[in-house]
Amino acid sequence: MQIVPPQILKSHNLARLLMDIGDHTRAEDFLRRALQTRERMFGANHPDTLLSMNNLASFLCRNCNYDGAEPLFRRAFTSLLSVSRSMGRPHPNLDGVIENYAELLRSMGFSREKIIAKLNELGHEFGFRLLV
C-alpha cells in the first residue's frame, strides 16, 4: 500500500471544498498543484499521477474547457494503456478514464462511431481495441 503525501491529500480536499462553494478558479489551481506534486514525486506515468490528471481533466470538462481537458484525458488514457500492457492486464483505473474521455468527446460533438475510432486509433500501438 502506497502512502499518499499529506500535501496531495490537502490539495485534493481543498479543491473539492472550493468546487462545492463555487470557487472554480482556486479549485483548478489546487488540482494542478496536486498533479504537479504527483508528477514530481512518482513520475509522469505513475497510476497515481494519472489519477490526478484524470481528476483535473474531469474538472475542466465539467467547466466546458474541452480544449484543456482533451490532452489530459488523451495522455491519461494512453499512459494507462502502457501501464496495463506492463501489468499484463487492464489497470483498474482504465475503464474510468475511457468513460470520462468518451464523455468529453461526446460533449465535443463526436458521434459514437468517431469516439470508438478515436479510442482505437490511440490504443492501437498498445494492442487496445474497443469492442462494441
N, C-alpha and C. Protein backbone atom coordinates (compact mmCIF):
# COMPACT_ATOMS: atom_id res chain seq x y z
N MET A 1 0.84 -1.19 0.00
CA MET A 1 0.00 0.00 0.00
C MET A 1 0.88 1.24 0.00
N GLN A 2 0.57 2.16 -0.89
CA GLN A 2 1.36 3.37 -1.00
C GLN A 2 0.73 4.47 -0.14
N ILE A 3 1.59 5.19 0.56
CA ILE A 3 1.11 6.29 1.39
C ILE A 3 1.08 7.55 0.55
N VAL A 4 -0.05 8.23 0.58
CA VAL A 4 -0.21 9.48 -0.18
C VAL A 4 0.29 10.62 0.70
N PRO A 5 1.26 11.40 0.19
CA PRO A 5 1.77 12.52 0.98
C PRO A 5 0.65 13.49 1.36
N PRO A 6 0.73 14.06 2.57
CA PRO A 6 -0.34 14.95 3.05
C PRO A 6 -0.62 16.14 2.14
N GLN A 7 0.41 16.70 1.49
CA GLN A 7 0.15 17.88 0.65
C GLN A 7 -0.73 17.55 -0.54
N ILE A 8 -0.65 16.30 -1.04
CA ILE A 8 -1.51 15.91 -2.15
C ILE A 8 -2.95 15.77 -1.67
N LEU A 9 -3.14 15.11 -0.54
CA LEU A 9 -4.48 14.97 0.02
C LEU A 9 -5.08 16.34 0.32
N LYS A 10 -4.28 17.23 0.90
CA LYS A 10 -4.77 18.58 1.20
C LYS A 10 -5.19 19.30 -0.08
N SER A 11 -4.38 19.18 -1.13
CA SER A 11 -4.72 19.85 -2.40
C SER A 11 -6.02 19.31 -2.97
N HIS A 12 -6.19 17.99 -2.96
CA HIS A 12 -7.43 17.40 -3.47
C HIS A 12 -8.63 17.79 -2.61
N ASN A 13 -8.47 17.73 -1.30
CA ASN A 13 -9.57 18.08 -0.40
C ASN A 13 -9.95 19.55 -0.51
N LEU A 14 -8.95 20.42 -0.60
CA LEU A 14 -9.23 21.85 -0.77
C LEU A 14 -9.90 22.11 -2.11
N ALA A 15 -9.44 21.43 -3.14
CA ALA A 15 -10.06 21.60 -4.46
C ALA A 15 -11.53 21.20 -4.41
N ARG A 16 -11.82 20.08 -3.77
CA ARG A 16 -13.21 19.62 -3.67
C ARG A 16 -14.06 20.64 -2.89
N LEU A 17 -13.53 21.14 -1.78
CA LEU A 17 -14.25 22.14 -0.99
C LEU A 17 -14.50 23.40 -1.81
N LEU A 18 -13.48 23.86 -2.52
CA LEU A 18 -13.62 25.06 -3.35
C LEU A 18 -14.64 24.86 -4.47
N MET A 19 -14.68 23.65 -5.04
CA MET A 19 -15.70 23.36 -6.06
C MET A 19 -17.09 23.45 -5.45
N ASP A 20 -17.23 22.89 -4.24
CA ASP A 20 -18.54 22.90 -3.57
C ASP A 20 -19.05 24.31 -3.30
N ILE A 21 -18.14 25.24 -3.04
CA ILE A 21 -18.58 26.61 -2.75
C ILE A 21 -18.53 27.50 -4.00
N GLY A 22 -18.19 26.90 -5.15
CA GLY A 22 -18.25 27.63 -6.40
C GLY A 22 -17.01 28.42 -6.77
N ASP A 23 -15.90 28.22 -6.06
CA ASP A 23 -14.66 28.93 -6.38
C ASP A 23 -13.83 28.07 -7.33
N HIS A 24 -14.24 28.05 -8.58
CA HIS A 24 -13.66 27.15 -9.57
C HIS A 24 -12.23 27.51 -9.94
N THR A 25 -11.91 28.79 -9.93
CA THR A 25 -10.54 29.22 -10.28
C THR A 25 -9.54 28.66 -9.27
N ARG A 26 -9.84 28.82 -8.00
CA ARG A 26 -8.91 28.31 -6.98
C ARG A 26 -8.94 26.79 -6.92
N ALA A 27 -10.09 26.18 -7.18
CA ALA A 27 -10.17 24.72 -7.21
C ALA A 27 -9.24 24.18 -8.30
N GLU A 28 -9.27 24.79 -9.47
CA GLU A 28 -8.39 24.35 -10.55
C GLU A 28 -6.92 24.48 -10.15
N ASP A 29 -6.59 25.57 -9.48
CA ASP A 29 -5.20 25.76 -9.03
C ASP A 29 -4.76 24.61 -8.12
N PHE A 30 -5.61 24.20 -7.19
CA PHE A 30 -5.26 23.11 -6.28
C PHE A 30 -5.17 21.76 -7.00
N LEU A 31 -6.04 21.54 -7.98
CA LEU A 31 -5.96 20.30 -8.76
C LEU A 31 -4.66 20.26 -9.57
N ARG A 32 -4.27 21.41 -10.12
CA ARG A 32 -3.00 21.48 -10.86
C ARG A 32 -1.81 21.25 -9.94
N ARG A 33 -1.88 21.80 -8.73
CA ARG A 33 -0.81 21.57 -7.75
C ARG A 33 -0.68 20.11 -7.38
N ALA A 34 -1.81 19.45 -7.17
CA ALA A 34 -1.79 18.02 -6.82
C ALA A 34 -1.15 17.22 -7.96
N LEU A 35 -1.50 17.55 -9.20
CA LEU A 35 -0.93 16.86 -10.35
C LEU A 35 0.58 17.10 -10.42
N GLN A 36 1.01 18.33 -10.27
CA GLN A 36 2.44 18.65 -10.32
C GLN A 36 3.22 17.94 -9.22
N THR A 37 2.63 17.88 -8.03
CA THR A 37 3.29 17.21 -6.92
C THR A 37 3.44 15.72 -7.21
N ARG A 38 2.40 15.10 -7.71
CA ARG A 38 2.48 13.67 -8.02
C ARG A 38 3.46 13.40 -9.16
N GLU A 39 3.50 14.28 -10.15
CA GLU A 39 4.48 14.11 -11.23
C GLU A 39 5.90 14.17 -10.69
N ARG A 40 6.14 15.10 -9.79
CA ARG A 40 7.47 15.24 -9.18
C ARG A 40 7.82 14.03 -8.32
N MET A 41 6.87 13.57 -7.53
CA MET A 41 7.14 12.50 -6.57
C MET A 41 7.16 11.11 -7.20
N PHE A 42 6.23 10.85 -8.11
CA PHE A 42 6.05 9.49 -8.62
C PHE A 42 6.45 9.31 -10.07
N GLY A 43 6.54 10.40 -10.82
CA GLY A 43 6.83 10.32 -12.25
C GLY A 43 5.58 10.56 -13.07
N ALA A 44 5.79 10.90 -14.32
CA ALA A 44 4.69 11.32 -15.21
C ALA A 44 3.71 10.20 -15.53
N ASN A 45 4.15 8.96 -15.54
CA ASN A 45 3.27 7.86 -15.96
C ASN A 45 2.86 6.94 -14.83
N HIS A 46 3.06 7.38 -13.61
CA HIS A 46 2.63 6.58 -12.46
C HIS A 46 1.10 6.62 -12.37
N PRO A 47 0.46 5.50 -12.04
CA PRO A 47 -1.01 5.49 -11.95
C PRO A 47 -1.59 6.57 -11.02
N ASP A 48 -0.92 6.90 -9.94
CA ASP A 48 -1.44 7.96 -9.05
C ASP A 48 -1.38 9.33 -9.73
N THR A 49 -0.32 9.55 -10.50
CA THR A 49 -0.22 10.80 -11.27
C THR A 49 -1.33 10.86 -12.30
N LEU A 50 -1.57 9.73 -12.94
CA LEU A 50 -2.61 9.68 -13.98
C LEU A 50 -4.00 9.87 -13.38
N LEU A 51 -4.20 9.43 -12.14
CA LEU A 51 -5.47 9.67 -11.46
C LEU A 51 -5.67 11.18 -11.22
N SER A 52 -4.61 11.87 -10.79
CA SER A 52 -4.71 13.32 -10.62
C SER A 52 -4.96 14.01 -11.96
N MET A 53 -4.34 13.49 -13.01
CA MET A 53 -4.55 14.04 -14.35
C MET A 53 -6.01 13.88 -14.77
N ASN A 54 -6.56 12.70 -14.53
CA ASN A 54 -7.97 12.43 -14.83
C ASN A 54 -8.87 13.37 -14.02
N ASN A 55 -8.54 13.60 -12.75
CA ASN A 55 -9.35 14.49 -11.91
C ASN A 55 -9.35 15.91 -12.47
N LEU A 56 -8.18 16.40 -12.85
CA LEU A 56 -8.09 17.75 -13.42
C LEU A 56 -8.85 17.82 -14.74
N ALA A 57 -8.67 16.82 -15.59
CA ALA A 57 -9.36 16.81 -16.88
C ALA A 57 -10.87 16.77 -16.69
N SER A 58 -11.34 15.98 -15.72
CA SER A 58 -12.78 15.91 -15.44
C SER A 58 -13.31 17.26 -14.98
N PHE A 59 -12.55 17.93 -14.13
CA PHE A 59 -12.94 19.26 -13.66
C PHE A 59 -13.04 20.22 -14.85
N LEU A 60 -12.02 20.21 -15.71
CA LEU A 60 -12.02 21.10 -16.87
C LEU A 60 -13.20 20.80 -17.79
N CYS A 61 -13.49 19.51 -17.98
CA CYS A 61 -14.62 19.10 -18.83
C CYS A 61 -15.94 19.60 -18.25
N ARG A 62 -16.13 19.44 -16.94
CA ARG A 62 -17.37 19.90 -16.29
C ARG A 62 -17.54 21.41 -16.44
N ASN A 63 -16.42 22.11 -16.58
CA ASN A 63 -16.47 23.56 -16.73
C ASN A 63 -16.33 24.00 -18.18
N CYS A 64 -16.60 23.07 -19.11
CA CYS A 64 -16.63 23.32 -20.55
C CYS A 64 -15.30 23.78 -21.13
N ASN A 65 -14.20 23.47 -20.46
CA ASN A 65 -12.87 23.75 -21.01
C ASN A 65 -12.39 22.49 -21.72
N TYR A 66 -13.02 22.20 -22.85
CA TYR A 66 -12.74 20.97 -23.58
C TYR A 66 -11.33 20.94 -24.15
N ASP A 67 -10.86 22.10 -24.61
CA ASP A 67 -9.50 22.16 -25.17
C ASP A 67 -8.44 21.89 -24.09
N GLY A 68 -8.73 22.25 -22.86
CA GLY A 68 -7.80 21.96 -21.77
C GLY A 68 -7.90 20.51 -21.31
N ALA A 69 -9.09 19.95 -21.35
CA ALA A 69 -9.32 18.60 -20.86
C ALA A 69 -8.83 17.52 -21.82
N GLU A 70 -8.99 17.76 -23.12
CA GLU A 70 -8.71 16.69 -24.10
C GLU A 70 -7.28 16.16 -24.03
N PRO A 71 -6.24 17.01 -24.03
CA PRO A 71 -4.90 16.44 -23.99
C PRO A 71 -4.59 15.70 -22.68
N LEU A 72 -5.22 16.13 -21.60
CA LEU A 72 -5.02 15.44 -20.32
C LEU A 72 -5.68 14.07 -20.34
N PHE A 73 -6.91 13.99 -20.83
CA PHE A 73 -7.57 12.69 -20.94
C PHE A 73 -6.81 11.77 -21.90
N ARG A 74 -6.36 12.33 -23.03
CA ARG A 74 -5.63 11.53 -24.02
C ARG A 74 -4.36 10.96 -23.39
N ARG A 75 -3.62 11.80 -22.68
CA ARG A 75 -2.38 11.34 -22.04
C ARG A 75 -2.67 10.31 -20.95
N ALA A 76 -3.68 10.53 -20.13
CA ALA A 76 -4.04 9.56 -19.08
C ALA A 76 -4.43 8.23 -19.71
N PHE A 77 -5.20 8.28 -20.79
CA PHE A 77 -5.65 7.07 -21.47
C PHE A 77 -4.46 6.29 -22.03
N THR A 78 -3.62 6.94 -22.82
CA THR A 78 -2.50 6.22 -23.44
C THR A 78 -1.49 5.76 -22.40
N SER A 79 -1.27 6.54 -21.37
CA SER A 79 -0.33 6.13 -20.32
C SER A 79 -0.87 4.94 -19.54
N LEU A 80 -2.17 4.93 -19.25
CA LEU A 80 -2.74 3.77 -18.55
C LEU A 80 -2.75 2.53 -19.44
N LEU A 81 -2.86 2.71 -20.74
CA LEU A 81 -2.72 1.57 -21.65
C LEU A 81 -1.31 0.99 -21.56
N SER A 82 -0.32 1.88 -21.48
CA SER A 82 1.06 1.44 -21.35
C SER A 82 1.27 0.70 -20.02
N VAL A 83 0.73 1.25 -18.95
CA VAL A 83 0.82 0.60 -17.63
C VAL A 83 0.12 -0.76 -17.68
N SER A 84 -1.04 -0.81 -18.32
CA SER A 84 -1.79 -2.06 -18.44
C SER A 84 -0.99 -3.12 -19.18
N ARG A 85 -0.34 -2.69 -20.26
CA ARG A 85 0.47 -3.63 -21.03
C ARG A 85 1.60 -4.18 -20.16
N SER A 86 2.23 -3.32 -19.36
CA SER A 86 3.30 -3.76 -18.46
C SER A 86 2.79 -4.73 -17.40
N MET A 87 1.56 -4.50 -16.93
CA MET A 87 0.97 -5.34 -15.89
C MET A 87 0.47 -6.67 -16.45
N GLY A 88 0.20 -6.69 -17.75
CA GLY A 88 -0.36 -7.89 -18.36
C GLY A 88 -1.86 -8.00 -18.20
N ARG A 89 -2.47 -6.93 -17.73
CA ARG A 89 -3.93 -6.88 -17.55
C ARG A 89 -4.33 -5.41 -17.47
N PRO A 90 -5.60 -5.12 -17.69
CA PRO A 90 -6.04 -3.71 -17.62
C PRO A 90 -5.86 -3.13 -16.22
N HIS A 91 -5.34 -1.92 -16.17
CA HIS A 91 -5.23 -1.22 -14.88
C HIS A 91 -6.64 -0.91 -14.38
N PRO A 92 -6.87 -0.99 -13.06
CA PRO A 92 -8.22 -0.74 -12.52
C PRO A 92 -8.80 0.64 -12.86
N ASN A 93 -7.97 1.64 -13.11
CA ASN A 93 -8.47 2.99 -13.43
C ASN A 93 -8.76 3.18 -14.91
N LEU A 94 -8.39 2.21 -15.74
CA LEU A 94 -8.51 2.38 -17.19
C LEU A 94 -9.96 2.59 -17.63
N ASP A 95 -10.88 1.79 -17.13
CA ASP A 95 -12.29 1.93 -17.54
C ASP A 95 -12.84 3.32 -17.23
N GLY A 96 -12.51 3.84 -16.05
CA GLY A 96 -13.00 5.16 -15.68
C GLY A 96 -12.46 6.25 -16.59
N VAL A 97 -11.18 6.15 -16.95
CA VAL A 97 -10.59 7.14 -17.85
C VAL A 97 -11.22 7.03 -19.24
N ILE A 98 -11.47 5.80 -19.70
CA ILE A 98 -12.13 5.62 -21.00
C ILE A 98 -13.51 6.26 -20.98
N GLU A 99 -14.27 6.02 -19.93
CA GLU A 99 -15.62 6.61 -19.83
C GLU A 99 -15.56 8.13 -19.82
N ASN A 100 -14.63 8.69 -19.04
CA ASN A 100 -14.51 10.15 -18.95
C ASN A 100 -14.07 10.76 -20.28
N TYR A 101 -13.11 10.12 -20.92
CA TYR A 101 -12.63 10.62 -22.22
C TYR A 101 -13.74 10.54 -23.26
N ALA A 102 -14.48 9.44 -23.28
CA ALA A 102 -15.59 9.29 -24.22
C ALA A 102 -16.66 10.36 -23.97
N GLU A 103 -16.93 10.64 -22.72
CA GLU A 103 -17.91 11.69 -22.38
C GLU A 103 -17.45 13.04 -22.89
N LEU A 104 -16.16 13.34 -22.73
CA LEU A 104 -15.62 14.59 -23.27
C LEU A 104 -15.82 14.65 -24.78
N LEU A 105 -15.45 13.57 -25.47
CA LEU A 105 -15.58 13.56 -26.92
C LEU A 105 -17.03 13.73 -27.35
N ARG A 106 -17.97 13.12 -26.59
CA ARG A 106 -19.41 13.33 -26.87
C ARG A 106 -19.76 14.81 -26.73
N SER A 107 -19.25 15.43 -25.65
CA SER A 107 -19.52 16.85 -25.41
C SER A 107 -18.95 17.73 -26.52
N MET A 108 -17.89 17.24 -27.15
CA MET A 108 -17.26 17.99 -28.24
C MET A 108 -17.95 17.73 -29.59
N GLY A 109 -19.00 16.90 -29.58
CA GLY A 109 -19.77 16.66 -30.78
C GLY A 109 -19.38 15.42 -31.57
N PHE A 110 -18.51 14.58 -31.02
CA PHE A 110 -18.13 13.35 -31.70
C PHE A 110 -19.30 12.37 -31.68
N SER A 111 -19.52 11.68 -32.78
CA SER A 111 -20.53 10.62 -32.82
C SER A 111 -19.97 9.39 -32.11
N ARG A 112 -20.84 8.45 -31.81
CA ARG A 112 -20.42 7.20 -31.16
C ARG A 112 -19.34 6.50 -31.99
N GLU A 113 -19.53 6.46 -33.30
CA GLU A 113 -18.59 5.81 -34.19
C GLU A 113 -17.23 6.51 -34.18
N LYS A 114 -17.25 7.84 -34.16
CA LYS A 114 -15.98 8.59 -34.15
C LYS A 114 -15.26 8.44 -32.81
N ILE A 115 -16.01 8.33 -31.73
CA ILE A 115 -15.39 8.12 -30.41
C ILE A 115 -14.68 6.77 -30.41
N ILE A 116 -15.35 5.74 -30.87
CA ILE A 116 -14.75 4.40 -30.92
C ILE A 116 -13.51 4.42 -31.81
N ALA A 117 -13.61 5.06 -32.96
CA ALA A 117 -12.47 5.13 -33.88
C ALA A 117 -11.29 5.87 -33.22
N LYS A 118 -11.57 6.96 -32.53
CA LYS A 118 -10.50 7.74 -31.87
C LYS A 118 -9.82 6.91 -30.79
N LEU A 119 -10.60 6.25 -29.95
CA LEU A 119 -10.01 5.44 -28.88
C LEU A 119 -9.21 4.28 -29.46
N ASN A 120 -9.72 3.65 -30.49
CA ASN A 120 -8.99 2.54 -31.12
C ASN A 120 -7.71 3.02 -31.80
N GLU A 121 -7.77 4.19 -32.41
CA GLU A 121 -6.57 4.76 -33.06
C GLU A 121 -5.49 5.03 -32.01
N LEU A 122 -5.86 5.66 -30.91
CA LEU A 122 -4.89 5.97 -29.86
C LEU A 122 -4.35 4.71 -29.19
N GLY A 123 -5.21 3.71 -29.07
CA GLY A 123 -4.81 2.49 -28.38
C GLY A 123 -4.13 1.46 -29.24
N HIS A 124 -4.06 1.70 -30.54
CA HIS A 124 -3.53 0.71 -31.47
C HIS A 124 -2.13 0.23 -31.10
N GLU A 125 -1.23 1.16 -30.79
CA GLU A 125 0.16 0.76 -30.50
C GLU A 125 0.27 -0.08 -29.23
N PHE A 126 -0.76 -0.06 -28.41
CA PHE A 126 -0.74 -0.84 -27.16
C PHE A 126 -1.54 -2.13 -27.28
N GLY A 127 -2.04 -2.41 -28.48
CA GLY A 127 -2.84 -3.62 -28.68
C GLY A 127 -4.25 -3.48 -28.14
N PHE A 128 -4.69 -2.23 -27.94
CA PHE A 128 -6.03 -1.96 -27.41
C PHE A 128 -7.02 -1.89 -28.56
N ARG A 129 -8.15 -2.53 -28.38
CA ARG A 129 -9.26 -2.42 -29.34
C ARG A 129 -10.55 -2.41 -28.55
N LEU A 130 -11.31 -1.34 -28.69
CA LEU A 130 -12.58 -1.21 -28.02
C LEU A 130 -13.60 -2.08 -28.74
N LEU A 131 -14.17 -3.01 -28.02
CA LEU A 131 -15.19 -3.89 -28.60
C LEU A 131 -16.56 -3.31 -28.31
N VAL A 132 -17.40 -3.28 -29.32
CA VAL A 132 -18.75 -2.71 -29.13
C VAL A 132 -19.82 -3.70 -29.53
